[in-house]
Amino acid sequence: MSNPIKVLVVDDSIVYRQVMQEVIARISDAECVGTAASGRIALRKISLLQPDLVLLDVVMPEMDGVATLQQVKQEYPAVEAIMISSFDMNNAKETLRSLQIGALDFIAKPKVSQPEQGIDELVQYLQPLIHLLQTKKYARFSRSQPVIPSAKKTGPAIGRAGPLPMPTIATREIDLIVIGISTGGPKALDQLVPKLNAAMPCPIIIVQHMPPMFTESLAMKLHEESALQVSEAKGGEKLTAGHIYIAPGGNHLIVRADAGGGFYLAIDTTPPVNNCRPSVDVLFQSVAAVFKGKVLAIIMTGMGHDGTEGVRSLKRKGGICLIQDQESSVVWGMPGSVYEAGLADEIVPLSRLSQRITQLVVTK
């Protein structure tokens, strides 16, 4: 194995340290260079071992994972961190805080009663993140904005150099906004949602790939920071203008038509799609199947290709699509997939996305 990603495992539990060592042993291009039972020990070992990645437990005595991460980012800014978090509301809040500080992502701790299944799930999740880090480190992955072939685009591509000379999407009434987002999403949403206009004339539905409880915590945090109503969807809610609904972790969220001509949300427990539940494709395709109004689809930072087929379905019904640009995305997998499929109308930096939404969504 050449140039593996060097990983330091930090957890006060010897059981979980052993579990994570086994996970890393099964991932190609990764090498566990050491372990630490506390944040203070981890900080000493980082200077000695020079890891590329720290797998960091959120809850530890004396110096917890968030405090440790703050020190890591101050003293070793090039070192990436992925948080390891238990399924607990308090842990979920601290995990979201760590993402704001600079953690790349988080994963949920496996149940030690089912260690083999847990190890398999962690390998499946960590493998693409390790590949991403190795690509960035050794292949000099370019985050510059690609040149947009005009055959693939019908609207302006807004990137690092500003708008390219292409036709502008006409301002129109938008009846619904749907957003798909994954890796890097909580921090990106924290920069987007509070900037949205309080007089938003349509509902917004967000699929953020997250486990249960974490989506509830995310919704509560965004609600506190935003002028709009933000809540985790429970099923049965009638779509209301100015309200943001976040798909619940562990379940798909779909839109259905009611007998009175309105629309409501429903929970769907069918199997994962694109290895995701909630899935962006499931939500978007349900909207395309029943919604009669004009839909704005937005695909933001995230790994994989969830959302591409959903955008395709919405475009067939007259919807338009914005994607987050590569430069401001933690991972340009999901928006990049939409771009490669020729389905993006505009590419917009995160810093300008709320403004662009406001420009497109006309007050009725």
Protein backbone atom coordinates (compact mmCIF):
# COMPACT_ATOMS: atom_id res chain seq x y z
CA MET A 1 0.00 0.00 0.00
CA SER A 2 1.58 3.29 -1.08
CA ASN A 3 0.99 6.60 0.67
CA PRO A 4 -1.87 5.43 2.90
CA ILE A 5 -3.96 7.88 4.88
CA LYS A 6 -2.54 7.80 8.40
CA VAL A 7 -5.29 7.56 11.03
CA LEU A 8 -5.21 8.22 14.78
CA VAL A 9 -8.11 6.69 16.77
CA VAL A 10 -9.18 8.63 19.88
CA ASP A 11 -11.72 7.07 22.26
CA ASP A 12 -11.77 6.50 26.00
CA SER A 13 -13.31 3.05 25.45
CA ILE A 14 -10.81 0.29 24.66
CA VAL A 15 -13.64 -1.67 23.00
CA TYR A 16 -14.34 1.10 20.50
CA ARG A 17 -10.64 1.70 19.92
CA GLN A 18 -10.35 -1.95 18.94
CA VAL A 19 -13.46 -1.74 16.75
CA MET A 20 -12.11 1.28 14.89
CA GLN A 21 -8.70 -0.34 14.45
CA GLU A 22 -10.42 -3.32 12.82
CA VAL A 23 -12.41 -0.97 10.58
CA ILE A 24 -9.28 0.81 9.41
CA ALA A 25 -7.52 -2.52 8.80
CA ARG A 26 -10.27 -3.41 6.30
CA ILE A 27 -10.06 -0.14 4.37
CA SER A 28 -7.67 0.09 1.48
CA ASP A 29 -5.31 3.07 1.52
CA ALA A 30 -5.67 3.59 5.27
CA GLU A 31 -3.31 2.80 8.13
CA CYS A 32 -3.91 3.13 11.87
CA VAL A 33 -0.74 4.76 13.19
CA GLY A 34 -1.87 4.90 16.80
CA THR A 35 -4.62 5.22 19.38
CA ALA A 36 -5.30 7.55 22.29
CA ALA A 37 -7.58 7.17 25.30
CA SER A 38 -8.14 10.90 25.79
CA GLY A 39 -8.01 14.22 24.00
CA ARG A 40 -4.87 15.34 25.84
CA ILE A 41 -3.00 12.18 24.87
CA ALA A 42 -4.24 12.61 21.30
CA LEU A 43 -2.77 16.12 21.06
CA ARG A 44 0.63 14.82 22.15
CA LYS A 45 0.47 11.92 19.70
CA ILE A 46 -0.51 14.11 16.74
CA SER A 47 2.81 15.95 16.98
CA LEU A 48 4.68 12.64 17.06
CA LEU A 49 2.69 10.54 14.57
CA GLN A 50 1.60 13.30 12.16
CA PRO A 51 -1.69 11.63 11.14
CA ASP A 52 -3.75 12.81 8.20
CA LEU A 53 -7.01 11.97 9.94
CA VAL A 54 -8.22 11.75 13.55
CA LEU A 55 -11.25 9.62 14.38
CA LEU A 56 -12.46 11.46 17.46
CA ASP A 57 -15.00 10.32 20.03
CA VAL A 58 -17.45 13.09 20.93
CA VAL A 59 -17.89 12.17 24.61
CA MET A 60 -14.75 11.68 26.68
CA PRO A 61 -13.88 12.59 30.30
CA GLU A 62 -11.63 15.53 31.15
CA MET A 63 -11.35 16.85 27.58
CA ASP A 64 -14.24 15.95 25.26
CA GLY A 65 -14.12 15.56 21.51
CA VAL A 66 -15.31 19.09 20.73
CA ALA A 67 -12.64 20.69 22.94
CA THR A 68 -10.04 18.38 21.45
CA LEU A 69 -11.13 19.28 17.92
CA GLN A 70 -10.79 22.98 18.70
CA GLN A 71 -7.19 22.41 19.77
CA VAL A 72 -6.46 20.23 16.77
CA LYS A 73 -7.75 22.87 14.35
CA GLN A 74 -5.74 25.60 16.10
CA GLU A 75 -2.47 23.68 16.32
CA TYR A 76 -2.70 21.29 13.35
CA PRO A 77 -5.10 22.85 10.80
CA ALA A 78 -4.11 20.39 8.06
CA VAL A 79 -5.27 17.39 10.09
CA GLU A 80 -8.80 16.29 9.20
CA ALA A 81 -11.21 14.97 11.82
CA ILE A 82 -14.24 12.70 11.70
CA MET A 83 -16.34 12.58 14.85
CA ILE A 84 -17.58 9.30 16.33
CA SER A 85 -20.91 9.91 18.05
CA SER A 86 -23.49 7.90 19.98
CA PHE A 87 -27.22 8.04 19.21
CA ASP A 88 -28.11 10.56 21.88
CA MET A 89 -29.70 14.02 21.60
CA ASN A 90 -26.98 15.72 23.66
CA ASN A 91 -24.31 13.98 21.59
CA ALA A 92 -26.12 15.05 18.43
CA LYS A 93 -25.94 18.70 19.49
CA GLU A 94 -22.24 18.45 20.28
CA THR A 95 -21.62 16.62 17.02
CA LEU A 96 -23.28 19.42 15.04
CA ARG A 97 -21.13 21.90 16.94
CA SER A 98 -18.02 19.97 15.93
CA LEU A 99 -19.03 20.21 12.27
CA GLN A 100 -19.20 23.99 12.65
CA ILE A 101 -15.69 23.99 14.11
CA GLY A 102 -14.30 22.08 11.17
CA ALA A 103 -14.84 18.33 11.43
CA LEU A 104 -15.12 16.76 8.00
CA ASP A 105 -18.07 14.56 8.95
CA PHE A 106 -19.33 12.24 11.66
CA ILE A 107 -20.30 8.61 11.97
CA ALA A 108 -22.51 6.91 14.52
CA LYS A 109 -20.95 4.43 16.92
CA PRO A 110 -21.80 0.80 16.12
CA LYS A 111 -23.63 -1.28 18.67
CA VAL A 112 -21.06 -3.47 20.42
CA SER A 113 -23.70 -6.23 20.69
CA GLN A 114 -23.45 -6.59 16.90
CA PRO A 115 -19.77 -5.85 16.29
CA GLU A 116 -19.38 -7.53 12.91
CA GLN A 117 -22.39 -5.78 11.38
CA GLY A 118 -21.23 -2.50 12.89
CA ILE A 119 -17.74 -2.93 11.47
CA ASP A 120 -19.13 -3.62 8.00
CA GLU A 121 -21.30 -0.49 8.14
CA LEU A 122 -18.39 1.66 9.29
CA VAL A 123 -16.15 0.32 6.54
CA GLN A 124 -18.81 1.11 3.96
CA TYR A 125 -19.13 4.67 5.25
CA LEU A 126 -15.46 5.45 5.87
CA GLN A 127 -14.03 3.98 2.66
CA PRO A 128 -15.21 6.82 0.37
CA LEU A 129 -14.11 9.46 2.91
CA ILE A 130 -10.65 7.89 3.05
CA HIS A 131 -10.57 7.86 -0.74
CA LEU A 132 -11.56 11.54 -0.77
CA LEU A 133 -8.74 12.44 1.63
CA GLN A 134 -6.19 10.46 -0.34
CA THR A 135 -7.33 12.10 -3.58
CA LYS A 136 -6.93 15.53 -2.02
CA LYS A 137 -3.53 14.70 -0.53
CA TYR A 138 -1.75 12.74 -3.23
CA ALA A 139 -3.51 13.36 -6.52
CA ARG A 140 -3.59 17.15 -6.00
CA PHE A 141 -7.32 17.12 -6.55
CA SER A 142 -8.31 20.37 -8.27
CA ARG A 143 -11.16 22.28 -6.69
CA SER A 144 -11.14 24.88 -9.44
CA GLN A 145 -14.41 25.45 -11.26
CA PRO A 146 -14.65 23.44 -14.49
CA VAL A 147 -15.32 25.12 -17.81
CA ILE A 148 -19.01 24.59 -18.52
CA PRO A 149 -19.78 23.13 -21.95
CA SER A 150 -22.68 25.14 -23.31
CA ALA A 151 -24.37 21.96 -24.55
CA LYS A 152 -24.86 20.91 -20.93
CA LYS A 153 -26.24 24.16 -19.59
CA THR A 154 -29.29 26.30 -20.16
CA GLY A 155 -28.48 28.96 -17.55
CA PRO A 156 -25.53 30.90 -16.20
CA ALA A 157 -22.77 28.99 -14.45
CA ILE A 158 -21.68 31.02 -11.46
CA GLY A 159 -18.27 29.96 -10.19
CA ARG A 160 -15.02 31.40 -8.90
CA ALA A 161 -14.67 33.83 -11.79
CA GLY A 162 -18.29 35.04 -11.62
CA PRO A 163 -21.13 34.54 -14.11
CA LEU A 164 -20.20 33.09 -17.47
CA PRO A 165 -21.82 34.66 -20.57
CA MET A 166 -24.88 32.42 -20.79
CA PRO A 167 -28.65 33.10 -20.77
CA THR A 168 -30.11 33.93 -17.35
CA ILE A 169 -32.93 31.91 -15.80
CA ALA A 170 -36.05 34.02 -15.98
CA THR A 171 -37.40 35.14 -12.61
CA ARG A 172 -40.60 33.26 -11.92
CA GLU A 173 -43.03 32.27 -9.25
CA ILE A 174 -41.71 29.28 -7.34
CA ASP A 175 -44.25 27.16 -5.50
CA LEU A 176 -41.82 24.78 -3.77
CA ILE A 177 -38.08 24.56 -3.06
CA VAL A 178 -36.46 21.16 -2.49
CA ILE A 179 -32.86 20.78 -1.33
CA GLY A 180 -30.61 17.71 -1.29
CA ILE A 181 -27.38 17.75 0.72
CA SER A 182 -24.97 15.38 2.46
CA THR A 183 -21.29 15.53 3.50
CA GLY A 184 -20.52 19.06 4.67
CA GLY A 185 -24.23 19.77 4.83
CA PRO A 186 -24.84 20.98 8.39
CA LYS A 187 -22.22 23.72 8.09
CA ALA A 188 -23.44 24.69 4.62
CA LEU A 189 -27.06 24.85 5.79
CA ASP A 190 -25.95 26.97 8.73
CA GLN A 191 -24.58 29.46 6.20
CA LEU A 192 -27.65 29.27 3.95
CA VAL A 193 -30.84 28.98 6.00
CA PRO A 194 -30.41 31.98 8.37
CA LYS A 195 -29.87 34.23 5.32
CA LEU A 196 -33.15 33.28 3.64
CA ASN A 197 -35.82 35.95 3.44
CA ALA A 198 -38.37 35.85 6.26
CA ALA A 199 -41.11 36.47 3.68
CA MET A 200 -40.37 33.26 1.76
CA PRO A 201 -43.53 32.72 -0.31
CA CYS A 202 -43.24 28.94 -0.59
CA PRO A 203 -42.37 25.85 1.48
CA ILE A 204 -38.85 24.39 1.55
CA ILE A 205 -38.09 20.70 2.04
CA ILE A 206 -34.56 19.54 2.85
CA VAL A 207 -33.07 16.06 2.71
CA GLN A 208 -29.82 16.00 4.69
CA HIS A 209 -28.23 12.55 4.93
CA MET A 210 -28.15 11.94 8.68
CA PRO A 211 -29.16 9.29 11.22
CA PRO A 212 -32.19 9.65 13.54
CA MET A 213 -31.97 12.32 16.27
CA PHE A 214 -29.27 14.20 14.40
CA THR A 215 -31.83 15.61 11.96
CA GLU A 216 -34.04 16.68 14.86
CA SER A 217 -31.11 18.45 16.49
CA LEU A 218 -30.22 20.08 13.17
CA ALA A 219 -33.79 21.33 12.71
CA MET A 220 -33.87 22.79 16.22
CA LYS A 221 -30.55 24.58 15.67
CA LEU A 222 -31.60 26.06 12.32
CA HIS A 223 -34.96 27.12 13.77
CA GLU A 224 -33.17 29.12 16.48
CA GLU A 225 -30.96 30.83 13.91
CA SER A 226 -33.53 31.50 11.19
CA ALA A 227 -36.42 33.91 10.68
CA LEU A 228 -38.30 31.01 9.07
CA GLN A 229 -40.01 28.13 10.82
CA VAL A 230 -37.78 25.03 10.72
CA SER A 231 -38.83 21.59 11.94
CA GLU A 232 -38.08 17.94 11.45
CA ALA A 233 -40.94 16.41 9.48
CA LYS A 234 -43.08 13.92 11.39
CA GLY A 235 -45.52 13.06 8.60
CA GLY A 236 -48.96 14.52 8.00
CA GLU A 237 -47.86 18.17 7.82
CA LYS A 238 -49.58 20.30 5.19
CA LEU A 239 -47.03 22.20 3.12
CA THR A 240 -47.04 25.81 4.27
CA ALA A 241 -45.28 28.84 2.80
CA GLY A 242 -42.33 30.07 4.85
CA HIS A 243 -41.82 26.73 6.59
CA ILE A 244 -38.71 24.56 6.20
CA TYR A 245 -39.19 20.83 6.68
CA ILE A 246 -36.19 18.54 7.24
CA ALA A 247 -36.52 14.85 6.38
CA PRO A 248 -36.17 12.67 9.50
CA GLY A 249 -33.06 10.52 9.73
CA GLY A 250 -33.71 6.85 9.07
CA ASN A 251 -36.85 7.45 6.96
CA HIS A 252 -37.65 8.67 3.48
CA LEU A 253 -39.83 11.77 3.18
CA ILE A 254 -42.36 12.07 0.36
CA VAL A 255 -44.94 14.58 -0.82
CA ARG A 256 -48.53 13.53 -1.43
CA ALA A 257 -51.57 15.34 -2.79
CA ASP A 258 -54.66 15.64 -0.62
CA ALA A 259 -58.29 15.65 -1.74
CA GLY A 260 -58.60 19.42 -1.33
CA GLY A 261 -55.90 20.22 -3.86
CA GLY A 262 -53.13 20.82 -1.31
CA PHE A 263 -50.07 18.77 -0.48
CA TYR A 264 -48.79 17.10 2.65
CA LEU A 265 -45.74 15.19 3.85
CA ALA A 266 -45.62 11.48 4.53
CA ILE A 267 -43.01 9.19 6.06
CA ASP A 268 -41.85 6.26 3.93
CA THR A 269 -40.00 3.29 5.41
CA THR A 270 -39.11 1.49 2.19
CA PRO A 271 -35.46 0.34 1.82
CA PRO A 272 -32.61 2.82 1.31
CA VAL A 273 -32.07 4.28 -2.15
CA ASN A 274 -28.49 5.05 -3.21
CA ASN A 275 -27.57 3.59 0.22
CA CYS A 276 -29.44 6.53 1.77
CA ARG A 277 -32.52 6.86 3.92
CA PRO A 278 -33.69 9.58 3.67
CA SER A 279 -32.91 9.77 -0.02
CA VAL A 280 -32.97 12.92 -2.13
CA ASP A 281 -34.15 10.94 -5.16
CA VAL A 282 -37.14 9.56 -3.25
CA LEU A 283 -38.30 13.03 -2.17
CA PHE A 284 -37.70 14.69 -5.55
CA GLN A 285 -39.42 11.92 -7.52
CA SER A 286 -42.43 12.03 -5.21
CA VAL A 287 -42.68 15.78 -5.84
CA ALA A 288 -42.42 15.26 -9.60
CA ALA A 289 -45.20 12.67 -9.45
CA VAL A 290 -47.84 14.83 -7.74
CA PHE A 291 -46.84 18.49 -7.57
CA LYS A 292 -48.37 20.75 -10.20
CA GLY A 293 -46.57 24.00 -9.37
CA LYS A 294 -43.13 25.32 -10.28
CA VAL A 295 -40.31 23.65 -8.36
CA LEU A 296 -36.78 24.88 -7.65
CA ALA A 297 -34.39 22.00 -6.91
CA ILE A 298 -31.05 22.67 -5.23
CA ILE A 299 -28.26 20.10 -4.88
CA MET A 300 -25.52 21.01 -2.44
CA THR A 301 -22.30 19.52 -1.10
CA GLY A 302 -22.33 15.76 -0.67
CA MET A 303 -20.74 12.47 -1.57
CA GLY A 304 -22.25 10.14 -4.17
CA HIS A 305 -24.98 10.80 -6.72
CA ASP A 306 -28.22 10.85 -4.72
CA GLY A 307 -30.52 13.46 -6.25
CA THR A 308 -29.48 13.19 -9.89
CA GLU A 309 -32.45 11.08 -11.00
CA GLY A 310 -34.78 13.12 -8.84
CA VAL A 311 -33.61 16.31 -10.54
CA ARG A 312 -34.12 14.62 -13.90
CA SER A 313 -37.74 13.85 -12.95
CA LEU A 314 -38.37 17.42 -11.83
CA LYS A 315 -36.80 18.90 -14.97
CA ARG A 316 -39.18 16.82 -17.10
CA LYS A 317 -42.03 18.60 -15.28
CA GLY A 318 -40.57 22.07 -15.90
CA GLY A 319 -38.53 22.45 -12.73
CA ILE A 320 -35.22 24.30 -12.56
CA CYS A 321 -32.04 23.29 -10.74
CA LEU A 322 -29.21 25.10 -8.99
CA ILE A 323 -26.11 23.28 -7.77
CA GLN A 324 -23.47 24.41 -5.29
CA ASP A 325 -20.13 25.12 -6.92
CA GLN A 326 -17.10 22.86 -6.49
CA GLU A 327 -14.99 25.46 -4.73
CA SER A 328 -17.38 25.90 -1.79
CA SER A 329 -18.39 22.21 -1.54
CA VAL A 330 -16.70 19.87 0.92
CA VAL A 331 -17.39 17.13 -1.63
CA TRP A 332 -18.62 17.85 -5.16
CA GLY A 333 -20.09 14.37 -5.64
CA MET A 334 -23.82 15.08 -5.63
CA PRO A 335 -23.73 18.46 -7.39
CA GLY A 336 -21.00 17.18 -9.72
CA SER A 337 -23.20 14.23 -10.70
CA VAL A 338 -26.06 16.59 -11.61
CA TYR A 339 -23.63 18.72 -13.60
CA GLU A 340 -22.23 15.71 -15.48
CA ALA A 341 -25.78 14.62 -16.33
CA GLY A 342 -26.40 18.03 -17.93
CA LEU A 343 -29.22 18.86 -15.52
CA ALA A 344 -27.91 21.97 -13.75
CA ASP A 345 -29.28 25.33 -14.82
CA GLU A 346 -26.81 27.29 -12.68
CA ILE A 347 -23.74 26.64 -10.56
CA VAL A 348 -23.69 28.96 -7.55
CA PRO A 349 -21.15 29.48 -4.73
CA LEU A 350 -22.52 28.88 -1.25
CA SER A 351 -21.87 32.51 -0.33
CA ARG A 352 -24.29 33.66 -3.04
CA LEU A 353 -26.88 30.91 -2.88
CA SER A 354 -29.35 32.61 -0.52
CA GLN A 355 -29.23 35.74 -2.66
CA ARG A 356 -29.81 33.72 -5.83
CA ILE A 357 -32.80 31.95 -4.27
CA THR A 358 -34.28 35.32 -3.32
CA GLN A 359 -33.79 36.59 -6.87
CA LEU A 360 -35.56 33.59 -8.36
CA VAL A 361 -38.43 33.26 -5.92
CA VAL A 362 -40.91 36.01 -6.71
CA THR A 363 -43.28 37.11 -3.98
CA LYS A 364 -46.79 36.22 -5.05
